[in-house]
């Protein structure tokens, strides 16, 4: 990627299986490892799971939809889920930083 090339932001909705088979459950630790790796690289910006453990949302950066799909293809759970991907017009988030330093 050249320095002038901008990244697009995609929101991905992943529908998890209704019943977690033993095979699927065994993939969950591998999924966490992959997600943490991509979070550290700032490829994934957000990763969220609903309380019912049915819906997973991923916000990621990629140069285009093909690259976004390539990133999702690296997820260990990908063969067991349904995926919808949406290109976002914009993505805003609250700033993340260190707490204010108070010297007493």
Protein backbone atom coordinates (compact mmCIF):
# COMPACT_ATOMS: atom_id res chain seq x y z
CA UNK A 1 0.00 0.00 0.00
CA UNK A 2 1.36 3.43 -0.92
CA UNK A 3 1.36 6.25 1.67
CA UNK A 4 -1.29 8.14 -0.33
CA UNK A 5 -3.68 5.20 -0.48
CA UNK A 6 -6.56 5.66 1.94
CA UNK A 7 -8.33 2.87 3.72
CA UNK A 8 -12.08 2.41 3.65
CA UNK A 9 -14.01 1.40 6.75
CA UNK A 10 -16.39 -1.54 6.72
CA UNK A 11 -19.00 -2.68 9.22
CA UNK A 12 -19.42 -6.43 9.22
CA UNK A 13 -22.39 -8.27 10.72
CA UNK A 14 -21.64 -11.90 11.51
CA UNK A 15 -24.53 -14.18 12.44
CA UNK A 16 -23.30 -17.01 14.63
CA UNK A 17 -24.75 -20.52 14.56
CA UNK A 18 -27.84 -21.07 16.70
CA UNK A 19 -26.18 -24.07 18.35
CA UNK A 20 -22.47 -24.05 19.09
CA UNK A 21 -21.18 -27.48 18.15
CA UNK A 22 -18.09 -28.87 19.86
CA UNK A 23 -16.18 -28.17 16.65
CA UNK A 24 -17.31 -24.52 16.57
CA UNK A 25 -16.63 -24.00 20.30
CA UNK A 26 -13.08 -25.28 19.79
CA UNK A 27 -12.49 -22.46 17.27
CA UNK A 28 -13.40 -19.67 19.70
CA UNK A 29 -9.96 -19.36 21.39
CA UNK A 30 -8.33 -19.25 17.93
CA UNK A 31 -10.82 -16.56 16.91
CA UNK A 32 -9.90 -14.44 19.95
CA UNK A 33 -6.21 -14.76 19.07
CA UNK A 34 -6.81 -13.66 15.48
CA UNK A 35 -9.02 -10.75 16.52
CA UNK A 36 -6.49 -9.55 19.11
CA UNK A 37 -3.74 -9.69 16.47
CA UNK A 38 -5.83 -7.60 14.06
CA UNK A 39 -6.83 -5.15 16.83
CA UNK A 40 -3.15 -4.58 17.66
CA UNK A 41 -2.45 -3.88 13.98
CA UNK A 42 -5.48 -1.50 13.88
CA UNK A 43 -7.01 -3.52 11.04
CA UNK A 44 -10.00 -4.18 13.29
CA UNK A 45 -11.25 -1.03 15.01
CA UNK A 46 -14.13 -2.57 17.01
CA UNK A 47 -15.32 -6.06 17.81
CA UNK A 48 -18.60 -6.66 19.66
CA UNK A 49 -20.82 -9.61 20.58
CA UNK A 50 -24.43 -9.36 21.77
CA UNK A 51 -25.48 -10.94 25.08
CA UNK A 52 -27.45 -13.66 23.29
CA UNK A 53 -24.24 -14.66 21.47
CA UNK A 54 -26.03 -14.57 18.13
CA UNK A 55 -24.67 -11.41 16.51
CA UNK A 56 -21.08 -10.33 16.16
CA UNK A 57 -20.11 -6.93 14.75
CA UNK A 58 -16.70 -6.05 13.41
CA UNK A 59 -15.52 -2.66 12.20
CA UNK A 60 -12.42 -2.97 10.07
CA UNK A 61 -10.20 -1.00 7.71
CA UNK A 62 -9.23 -2.23 4.26
CA UNK A 63 -8.35 -0.73 0.89
CA UNK A 64 -11.52 -2.18 -0.68
CA UNK A 65 -14.26 -4.76 -0.18
CA UNK A 66 -12.13 -7.54 -1.66
CA UNK A 67 -9.41 -6.94 0.93
CA UNK A 68 -12.06 -6.76 3.67
CA UNK A 69 -13.33 -10.18 2.59
CA UNK A 70 -9.74 -11.49 2.54
CA UNK A 71 -9.32 -10.33 6.14
CA UNK A 72 -12.56 -12.02 7.17
CA UNK A 73 -11.42 -15.22 5.43
CA UNK A 74 -8.62 -15.47 8.02
CA UNK A 75 -11.15 -15.80 10.86
CA UNK A 76 -11.14 -19.38 12.20
CA UNK A 77 -14.95 -19.32 12.54
CA UNK A 78 -15.65 -18.02 9.03
CA UNK A 79 -16.86 -21.33 7.53
CA UNK A 80 -19.50 -21.66 10.25
CA UNK A 81 -21.12 -18.21 10.13
CA UNK A 82 -23.15 -15.94 7.86
CA UNK A 83 -21.55 -12.60 6.93
CA UNK A 84 -22.91 -9.28 5.71
CA UNK A 85 -20.45 -6.49 4.91
CA UNK A 86 -21.25 -2.79 4.57
CA UNK A 87 -18.93 0.00 3.42
CA UNK A 88 -19.35 3.00 5.71
CA UNK A 89 -19.55 6.62 4.55
CA UNK A 90 -17.81 7.61 7.78
CA UNK A 91 -16.77 6.17 11.12
CA UNK A 92 -16.48 8.32 14.24
CA UNK A 93 -15.50 7.12 17.68
CA UNK A 94 -14.84 8.70 21.05
CA UNK A 95 -11.16 9.53 21.44
CA UNK A 96 -9.17 6.95 23.34
CA UNK A 97 -6.31 8.20 25.41
CA UNK A 98 -4.67 8.22 28.76
CA UNK A 99 -6.62 9.63 31.70
CA UNK A 100 -5.82 13.20 32.72
CA UNK A 101 -2.79 13.29 35.01
CA UNK A 102 -3.53 14.96 38.36
CA UNK A 103 -0.52 15.89 40.48
CA UNK A 104 -1.42 16.12 44.18
